[in-house]
Amino acid sequence: MILRRSVVAFACLSFAACATPSSGGGTGGSPATGGSPATGGTTSTGGTSGAGNGVGTGQGFSFPQNKATGSCMLTTVANAAAATMTAYTSWRSAYVVPASPGMRVQRPENGNDTVSEGIGYGMLAAVYVGDQATFDGLWAYAQSKFDAKGLMTWCIPGSGSSSCTNSGGSATDGDEDMIFALLMASDQWSGTDYLTPAKAMIMSMRTYSLFSDGTLQNGDNFNTADEYNPDYFSPAYFRVFTKATGDAFWAGLALTANYNHLMALTGSDGLVPDSSNLQNATVKATTNCSTAPNCCTCIPSYGYDACRTPWRIAMDWCFNGEQKAKTYLDAVGAFFDGQKVANIGDGYSLTGSKTSSNQNMAFIGPAGVAGMAGWPNLMNDAFNFGVSNPSNGNNAYFPQSLRVLSMLMMSGNFLDYSQM
């Protein structure tokens, strides 16, 4: 049945048909297992329906929505929704493949391996374009790769050469993207329980992937690591986690702790490092240093991790009017607006010096999302860059994934359904 549904998903040219499941369509998946409640945390409330908190309504949101939220602007590029759908279908055709069970997102440049990050990106994109068949396929695969703590193993080897070891625990960014996608799916589609497993994963993250002060760890196996990735912080997600579970920790302590890290790490240009230590010194952990091409160095930089930060923080300004988010966007938006999209490269020092002139949507897309807070030329030029779909060299999976997510955001189709 899953394989048959995957064929249907790939065949759909208009997701109006894919968006509405047939009666009883979709199996959703069983709740995640593992992980007792964290000490001091409240248990989830409200049952699986999410009634009264805006989560789990199952009311449905057709694509496109094209909705501006808060004080954020939308792109004025013509036919933005159609261009966004084209980006999604192109991405899905290139990177989503049948798996057992379900479907997975493969990275061709990494031996066709699969990372939880990619599953999260795919679930987010699928829920917003109304592609339930692909969403369910990716979710089925994710559950089959859960570790003993109730979160997905971060990297699964493919058919070729890869650094994957099929071990090492989860990755927090992939975990939280999957959770938020499940919560949005609980509002998007009725007849399938996505809320229960989302709440179970939230509890697993609460137990295994955060320090006691609310600071994010990099995964469920990093509880002693003196390392912090600011680009993993998705504050708008945390607010919905509290809505879904009734646990004030997420919209309280966790939100405060991680905003404190973000503010401490943000320079005058809004450029944060790929990673720091827990004391907010802008250094890389030595275990992540490498001299390999297209990888990383021990010099702190705004690179292929940090580049996602504007997209994640912009959600909290657009959806919730958070002034701390606006303060960050004022810095990074002004910087990239001054750079101009035609000159944005794929690497910067923390003082604003461009370290590479390669161009792709991993950097340009999130910069364009920052433009939603007050820089229309930056936003529109970034969106047009995404429309043009230039070659992305050997790292196509990552830029193309962020191309889809940032175009969804700039066109008003990446939304917090729990507020609608």
Protein backbone atom coordinates (compact mmCIF):
# COMPACT_ATOMS: atom_id res chain seq x y z
CA MET A 1 0.00 0.00 0.00
CA ILE A 2 2.78 2.46 0.86
CA LEU A 3 4.57 1.83 -2.44
CA ARG A 4 1.33 2.35 -4.34
CA ARG A 5 0.68 5.61 -2.55
CA SER A 6 4.23 6.79 -3.30
CA VAL A 7 3.55 6.31 -7.00
CA VAL A 8 0.39 8.37 -6.66
CA ALA A 9 2.33 11.11 -4.90
CA PHE A 10 4.91 11.34 -7.66
CA ALA A 11 2.19 11.41 -10.29
CA CYS A 12 0.25 14.31 -8.76
CA LEU A 13 0.68 17.50 -10.74
CA SER A 14 -1.87 19.47 -8.78
CA PHE A 15 -1.91 18.91 -5.05
CA ALA A 16 -5.53 19.88 -4.80
CA ALA A 17 -6.18 16.18 -5.35
CA CYS A 18 -3.40 15.06 -3.03
CA ALA A 19 -4.35 17.39 -0.22
CA THR A 20 -7.57 15.71 0.81
CA PRO A 21 -7.26 12.06 1.81
CA SER A 22 -9.95 9.57 1.08
CA SER A 23 -12.05 8.39 3.96
CA GLY A 24 -9.80 6.79 6.51
CA GLY A 25 -6.71 7.64 4.43
CA GLY A 26 -3.31 7.62 6.08
CA THR A 27 -2.05 5.54 8.93
CA GLY A 28 0.03 8.19 10.67
CA GLY A 29 2.17 5.90 12.73
CA SER A 30 2.50 4.72 16.27
CA PRO A 31 3.71 7.00 19.03
CA ALA A 32 7.42 7.28 19.67
CA THR A 33 8.67 5.22 22.56
CA GLY A 34 11.27 5.70 25.21
CA GLY A 35 12.04 8.58 27.50
CA SER A 36 10.46 9.17 30.86
CA PRO A 37 9.28 12.71 31.61
CA ALA A 38 12.07 15.12 32.46
CA THR A 39 12.29 16.07 36.11
CA GLY A 40 10.22 19.12 36.83
CA GLY A 41 8.30 19.02 33.53
CA THR A 42 4.55 18.97 33.40
CA THR A 43 2.79 16.19 31.62
CA SER A 44 0.96 16.84 28.42
CA THR A 45 -2.63 17.95 28.72
CA GLY A 46 -5.72 18.18 26.60
CA GLY A 47 -5.67 14.69 25.09
CA THR A 48 -4.84 13.87 21.51
CA SER A 49 -7.37 16.21 19.98
CA GLY A 50 -5.57 19.36 21.05
CA ALA A 51 -8.96 20.98 21.49
CA GLY A 52 -8.85 24.52 22.77
CA ASN A 53 -5.20 25.19 21.97
CA GLY A 54 -5.28 25.51 18.20
CA VAL A 55 -3.42 22.23 17.69
CA GLY A 56 -5.01 19.10 16.24
CA THR A 57 -7.99 20.76 14.59
CA GLY A 58 -7.66 18.83 11.33
CA GLN A 59 -9.53 21.64 9.57
CA GLY A 60 -7.34 21.69 6.47
CA PHE A 61 -5.45 24.45 4.66
CA SER A 62 -5.31 24.26 0.89
CA PHE A 63 -2.26 25.39 -1.06
CA PRO A 64 -1.67 28.21 -1.67
CA GLN A 65 -2.54 30.29 1.40
CA ASN A 66 -0.44 33.35 0.43
CA LYS A 67 -0.97 34.86 3.89
CA ALA A 68 1.10 37.64 5.41
CA THR A 69 1.52 37.26 9.17
CA GLY A 70 2.30 39.91 11.73
CA SER A 71 4.40 42.76 10.35
CA CYS A 72 6.16 40.59 7.76
CA MET A 73 5.91 41.31 4.04
CA LEU A 74 5.40 38.76 1.29
CA THR A 75 7.24 38.66 -1.98
CA THR A 76 5.65 40.61 -4.82
CA VAL A 77 7.25 38.39 -7.48
CA ALA A 78 4.55 37.36 -9.95
CA ASN A 79 3.16 33.82 -9.71
CA ALA A 80 5.08 33.18 -6.49
CA ALA A 81 2.88 30.28 -5.38
CA ALA A 82 3.24 28.49 -8.71
CA ALA A 83 7.01 28.98 -8.62
CA THR A 84 7.09 27.59 -5.09
CA MET A 85 5.15 24.50 -6.13
CA THR A 86 7.54 24.03 -9.07
CA ALA A 87 10.46 24.18 -6.64
CA TYR A 88 8.80 21.56 -4.44
CA THR A 89 7.97 19.13 -7.24
CA SER A 90 11.50 19.48 -8.62
CA TRP A 91 12.99 18.81 -5.17
CA ARG A 92 10.73 15.84 -4.55
CA SER A 93 11.53 14.31 -7.93
CA ALA A 94 15.27 14.66 -7.34
CA TYR A 95 15.60 13.59 -3.73
CA VAL A 96 12.56 11.61 -2.49
CA VAL A 97 12.81 7.90 -3.27
CA PRO A 98 10.82 4.80 -2.26
CA ALA A 99 12.09 3.06 0.87
CA SER A 100 11.09 0.18 3.09
CA PRO A 101 8.93 1.35 4.73
CA GLY A 102 7.61 4.47 3.05
CA MET A 103 9.91 7.01 1.45
CA ARG A 104 13.16 8.73 2.30
CA VAL A 105 15.10 11.83 1.27
CA GLN A 106 18.47 10.85 -0.14
CA ARG A 107 21.66 12.90 -0.48
CA PRO A 108 23.24 11.90 -3.81
CA GLU A 109 26.46 13.72 -2.96
CA ASN A 110 26.82 11.60 0.20
CA GLY A 111 26.43 8.12 -1.20
CA ASN A 112 22.62 8.39 -1.28
CA ASP A 113 22.46 8.37 2.50
CA THR A 114 19.55 9.81 4.47
CA VAL A 115 19.71 12.25 7.37
CA SER A 116 16.93 13.14 9.77
CA GLU A 117 17.39 16.77 8.72
CA GLY A 118 16.22 15.86 5.21
CA ILE A 119 13.23 13.93 6.51
CA GLY A 120 12.26 16.99 8.57
CA TYR A 121 12.62 19.30 5.57
CA GLY A 122 10.51 16.97 3.46
CA MET A 123 7.76 16.65 6.04
CA LEU A 124 7.60 20.43 6.46
CA ALA A 125 7.37 21.05 2.74
CA ALA A 126 4.83 18.28 2.19
CA VAL A 127 2.44 19.46 4.89
CA TYR A 128 2.40 22.99 3.48
CA VAL A 129 1.73 21.98 -0.13
CA GLY A 130 -0.86 19.42 0.98
CA ASP A 131 1.03 16.32 -0.17
CA GLN A 132 -0.14 13.82 2.44
CA ALA A 133 1.11 10.75 0.59
CA THR A 134 4.69 11.98 0.65
CA PHE A 135 4.31 13.22 4.23
CA ASP A 136 3.09 9.82 5.41
CA GLY A 137 5.80 8.00 3.47
CA LEU A 138 8.57 10.07 5.03
CA TRP A 139 7.04 9.75 8.49
CA ALA A 140 6.79 5.96 8.15
CA TYR A 141 10.49 5.80 7.27
CA ALA A 142 11.45 8.11 10.15
CA GLN A 143 9.69 5.94 12.71
CA SER A 144 11.47 2.85 11.44
CA LYS A 145 14.79 4.54 12.32
CA PHE A 146 13.94 5.71 15.82
CA ASP A 147 16.56 5.08 18.47
CA ALA A 148 15.82 3.76 21.96
CA LYS A 149 15.11 7.30 23.17
CA GLY A 150 12.23 7.86 20.78
CA LEU A 151 13.97 10.08 18.20
CA MET A 152 15.27 9.35 14.72
CA THR A 153 18.88 8.24 14.26
CA TRP A 154 20.48 11.20 12.56
CA CYS A 155 22.15 9.46 9.59
CA ILE A 156 21.32 6.26 7.71
CA PRO A 157 23.85 4.89 5.17
CA GLY A 158 22.86 4.65 1.53
CA SER A 159 24.14 2.59 -1.36
CA GLY A 160 27.39 4.51 -1.84
CA SER A 161 30.29 5.86 0.18
CA SER A 162 29.17 7.92 3.15
CA SER A 163 30.40 8.98 6.57
CA CYS A 164 27.20 7.54 8.07
CA THR A 165 27.56 4.87 10.70
CA ASN A 166 23.85 4.28 11.42
CA SER A 167 24.53 5.26 15.00
CA GLY A 168 25.31 8.25 17.15
CA GLY A 169 21.85 9.32 18.25
CA SER A 170 19.55 11.99 16.92
CA ALA A 171 20.09 15.51 15.55
CA THR A 172 18.05 18.20 17.27
CA ASP A 173 17.29 20.22 14.15
CA GLY A 174 15.82 17.20 12.39
CA ASP A 175 13.87 16.23 15.50
CA GLU A 176 12.24 19.62 15.95
CA ASP A 177 11.41 20.01 12.25
CA MET A 178 9.68 16.63 12.25
CA ILE A 179 7.76 17.51 15.41
CA PHE A 180 6.58 20.85 14.06
CA ALA A 181 5.59 19.20 10.79
CA LEU A 182 3.54 16.62 12.72
CA LEU A 183 1.82 19.39 14.68
CA MET A 184 0.98 21.24 11.47
CA ALA A 185 -0.24 17.95 9.96
CA SER A 186 -2.60 17.54 12.92
CA ASP A 187 -4.21 20.81 11.80
CA GLN A 188 -3.94 20.07 8.08
CA TRP A 189 -5.50 16.59 7.89
CA SER A 190 -8.28 14.90 9.81
CA GLY A 191 -8.77 11.19 10.26
CA THR A 192 -5.15 10.51 11.21
CA ASP A 193 -3.49 11.04 14.58
CA TYR A 194 -0.28 13.01 14.11
CA LEU A 195 -0.56 14.82 17.43
CA THR A 196 0.07 11.84 19.72
CA PRO A 197 3.48 10.94 18.26
CA ALA A 198 4.42 14.63 18.09
CA LYS A 199 3.80 14.95 21.82
CA ALA A 200 5.81 11.81 22.51
CA MET A 201 8.75 13.21 20.53
CA ILE A 202 8.49 16.53 22.37
CA MET A 203 8.79 14.65 25.65
CA SER A 204 11.78 12.70 24.36
CA MET A 205 13.49 15.93 23.32
CA ARG A 206 12.65 17.47 26.70
CA THR A 207 14.24 14.50 28.44
CA TYR A 208 17.29 13.82 26.31
CA SER A 209 18.13 16.81 24.09
CA LEU A 210 18.12 19.87 26.35
CA PHE A 211 20.20 20.90 29.32
CA SER A 212 18.39 21.63 32.57
CA ASP A 213 18.45 25.40 31.92
CA GLY A 214 16.66 24.91 28.59
CA THR A 215 19.70 25.17 26.32
CA LEU A 216 19.50 22.93 23.27
CA GLN A 217 21.91 20.08 22.90
CA ASN A 218 22.83 18.91 19.41
CA GLY A 219 20.96 15.62 19.81
CA ASP A 220 19.88 12.97 22.28
CA ASN A 221 23.43 11.66 22.68
CA PHE A 222 25.21 14.96 23.34
CA ASN A 223 24.37 15.62 26.97
CA THR A 224 28.00 16.17 27.99
CA ALA A 225 29.13 18.11 24.91
CA ASP A 226 30.32 21.69 25.44
CA GLU A 227 28.98 22.71 22.04
CA TYR A 228 26.06 24.82 20.88
CA ASN A 229 24.61 25.28 17.39
CA PRO A 230 22.63 28.54 17.27
CA ASP A 231 21.00 27.58 13.96
CA TYR A 232 19.13 24.75 15.71
CA PHE A 233 17.04 27.26 17.68
CA SER A 234 13.47 27.52 16.29
CA PRO A 235 11.63 29.69 18.82
CA ALA A 236 8.28 29.70 17.01
CA TYR A 237 8.28 25.90 17.27
CA PHE A 238 8.81 26.06 21.02
CA ARG A 239 5.66 28.12 21.50
CA VAL A 240 3.60 25.51 19.65
CA PHE A 241 5.26 22.72 21.65
CA THR A 242 3.83 24.34 24.77
CA LYS A 243 0.40 24.61 23.16
CA ALA A 244 0.45 20.94 22.21
CA THR A 245 1.66 19.56 25.53
CA GLY A 246 0.73 22.10 28.19
CA ASP A 247 4.39 22.11 29.27
CA ALA A 248 5.33 25.76 29.92
CA PHE A 249 9.04 24.83 29.86
CA TRP A 250 9.20 25.28 26.08
CA ALA A 251 7.69 28.77 25.86
CA GLY A 252 9.42 29.77 29.09
CA LEU A 253 12.81 28.52 30.19
CA ALA A 254 13.86 26.99 26.86
CA LEU A 255 12.85 30.08 24.89
CA THR A 256 14.72 32.40 27.26
CA ALA A 257 17.90 30.32 27.45
CA ASN A 258 18.28 29.96 23.71
CA TYR A 259 17.46 33.58 22.94
CA ASN A 260 20.18 34.50 25.45
CA HIS A 261 22.65 32.39 23.48
CA LEU A 262 21.51 33.90 20.18
CA MET A 263 21.90 37.46 21.46
CA ALA A 264 25.33 36.72 22.92
CA LEU A 265 26.53 35.18 19.64
CA THR A 266 25.06 37.74 17.24
CA GLY A 267 27.57 40.28 15.99
CA SER A 268 26.78 43.71 14.58
CA ASP A 269 26.06 42.16 11.18
CA GLY A 270 23.81 39.43 12.57
CA LEU A 271 26.24 36.70 11.57
CA VAL A 272 26.34 33.84 14.06
CA PRO A 273 28.91 31.03 14.04
CA ASP A 274 28.19 27.51 12.86
CA SER A 275 28.84 26.44 16.43
CA SER A 276 30.12 27.77 19.73
CA ASN A 277 30.71 26.44 23.19
CA LEU A 278 28.11 26.79 25.93
CA GLN A 279 29.85 29.92 27.18
CA ASN A 280 29.15 31.57 23.81
CA ALA A 281 32.76 31.73 22.72
CA THR A 282 32.72 31.68 18.94
CA VAL A 283 34.89 28.65 18.46
CA LYS A 284 34.32 25.28 16.89
CA ALA A 285 34.61 22.13 18.92
CA THR A 286 37.83 20.41 17.90
CA THR A 287 35.92 17.24 17.09
CA ASN A 288 34.23 19.09 14.24
CA CYS A 289 37.40 20.50 12.71
CA SER A 290 38.45 19.23 9.32
CA THR A 291 40.61 20.22 6.39
CA ALA A 292 38.50 18.29 3.92
CA PRO A 293 37.20 20.26 0.93
CA ASN A 294 33.73 21.77 1.26
CA CYS A 295 33.64 20.97 4.94
CA CYS A 296 34.57 22.95 7.93
CA THR A 297 37.51 24.54 9.65
CA CYS A 298 38.40 25.61 13.15
CA ILE A 299 37.90 29.26 12.21
CA PRO A 300 34.50 30.42 13.45
CA SER A 301 32.36 31.36 10.49
CA TYR A 302 28.87 31.88 9.13
CA GLY A 303 28.76 28.70 7.10
CA TYR A 304 26.54 25.82 6.06
CA ASP A 305 25.03 25.43 9.52
CA ALA A 306 24.59 29.06 10.53
CA CYS A 307 23.04 30.03 7.20
CA ARG A 308 19.69 28.59 8.32
CA THR A 309 19.39 30.93 11.29
CA PRO A 310 17.51 33.83 9.61
CA TRP A 311 14.77 31.47 8.43
CA ARG A 312 14.29 29.95 11.88
CA ILE A 313 14.29 33.24 13.78
CA ALA A 314 12.11 35.07 11.25
CA MET A 315 9.24 32.71 12.05
CA ASP A 316 9.06 34.08 15.58
CA TRP A 317 8.85 37.68 14.37
CA CYS A 318 6.37 36.93 11.61
CA PHE A 319 4.13 34.59 13.62
CA ASN A 320 4.47 36.01 17.13
CA GLY A 321 5.89 39.54 16.97
CA GLU A 322 8.84 38.61 19.20
CA GLN A 323 11.02 41.72 19.54
CA LYS A 324 14.18 39.70 20.21
CA ALA A 325 13.69 38.07 16.82
CA LYS A 326 13.21 41.48 15.19
CA THR A 327 16.42 42.76 16.80
CA TYR A 328 18.33 39.86 15.25
CA LEU A 329 16.64 40.33 11.87
CA ASP A 330 17.38 44.06 11.91
CA ALA A 331 21.06 43.21 11.98
CA VAL A 332 21.22 40.29 9.57
CA GLY A 333 18.62 41.72 7.17
CA ALA A 334 20.44 45.02 6.88
CA PHE A 335 23.72 43.19 6.28
CA PHE A 336 22.46 41.03 3.43
CA ASP A 337 20.45 43.89 1.96
CA GLY A 338 23.72 45.80 1.78
CA GLN A 339 25.48 42.82 0.21
CA LYS A 340 22.80 42.53 -2.53
CA VAL A 341 21.64 39.09 -3.62
CA ALA A 342 23.87 39.14 -6.69
CA ASN A 343 26.89 39.23 -4.38
CA ILE A 344 25.85 36.91 -1.52
CA GLY A 345 28.37 34.07 -1.23
CA ASP A 346 28.30 30.79 0.67
CA GLY A 347 30.51 31.76 3.59
CA TYR A 348 31.34 34.77 5.78
CA SER A 349 33.62 35.60 8.65
CA LEU A 350 31.79 36.79 11.74
CA THR A 351 32.96 40.32 10.95
CA GLY A 352 31.24 40.31 7.56
CA SER A 353 34.04 39.40 5.17
CA LYS A 354 32.94 37.09 2.37
CA THR A 355 35.01 33.91 2.35
CA SER A 356 33.49 32.29 -0.76
CA SER A 357 31.76 33.59 -3.86
CA ASN A 358 29.78 30.44 -4.64
CA GLN A 359 26.07 31.20 -4.74
CA ASN A 360 23.14 29.00 -3.75
CA MET A 361 19.84 29.06 -1.92
CA ALA A 362 21.28 27.69 1.33
CA PHE A 363 22.51 31.22 1.98
CA ILE A 364 20.36 33.36 -0.30
CA GLY A 365 17.01 31.79 0.65
CA PRO A 366 17.21 32.38 4.43
CA ALA A 367 18.69 35.85 3.79
CA GLY A 368 15.61 36.56 1.70
CA VAL A 369 13.40 35.41 4.56
CA ALA A 370 15.13 37.99 6.77
CA GLY A 371 14.09 40.52 4.12
CA MET A 372 10.45 39.88 5.07
CA ALA A 373 11.10 42.02 8.16
CA GLY A 374 11.70 45.19 6.17
CA TRP A 375 13.90 44.74 3.09
CA PRO A 376 11.62 44.07 0.10
CA ASN A 377 14.39 44.22 -2.49
CA LEU A 378 16.39 41.59 -0.60
CA MET A 379 13.32 39.37 -0.32
CA ASN A 380 12.21 39.72 -3.95
CA ASP A 381 15.71 39.29 -5.37
CA ALA A 382 16.24 36.20 -3.23
CA PHE A 383 12.91 34.76 -4.33
CA ASN A 384 13.78 35.41 -7.99
CA PHE A 385 17.12 33.69 -7.45
CA GLY A 386 15.17 30.67 -6.23
CA VAL A 387 12.89 30.82 -9.24
CA SER A 388 15.88 30.77 -11.59
CA ASN A 389 17.10 27.53 -9.92
CA PRO A 390 20.81 27.89 -10.75
CA SER A 391 23.16 24.92 -10.59
CA ASN A 392 24.31 24.18 -7.07
CA GLY A 393 27.34 22.01 -7.75
CA ASN A 394 28.10 19.04 -5.53
CA ASN A 395 25.99 20.17 -2.59
CA ALA A 396 22.62 20.35 -4.33
CA TYR A 397 20.49 18.50 -1.73
CA PHE A 398 21.01 21.11 0.99
CA PRO A 399 20.58 24.31 -1.07
CA GLN A 400 17.61 22.85 -2.91
CA SER A 401 15.94 21.90 0.38
CA LEU A 402 16.35 25.42 1.74
CA ARG A 403 15.20 26.77 -1.61
CA VAL A 404 11.81 25.12 -1.08
CA LEU A 405 11.43 26.10 2.58
CA SER A 406 12.46 29.72 2.08
CA MET A 407 10.22 30.14 -0.98
CA LEU A 408 7.32 28.74 1.02
CA MET A 409 8.02 31.30 3.73
CA MET A 410 8.50 34.30 1.43
CA SER A 411 5.30 33.50 -0.50
CA GLY A 412 3.19 33.26 2.68
CA ASN A 413 2.80 29.50 2.64
CA PHE A 414 4.94 28.48 5.63
CA LEU A 415 2.58 29.30 8.48
CA ASP A 416 1.69 28.49 12.07
CA TYR A 417 -1.59 26.68 11.53
CA SER A 418 -2.25 26.59 15.27
CA GLN A 419 -3.04 30.32 15.08
CA MET A 420 -5.40 30.04 12.11
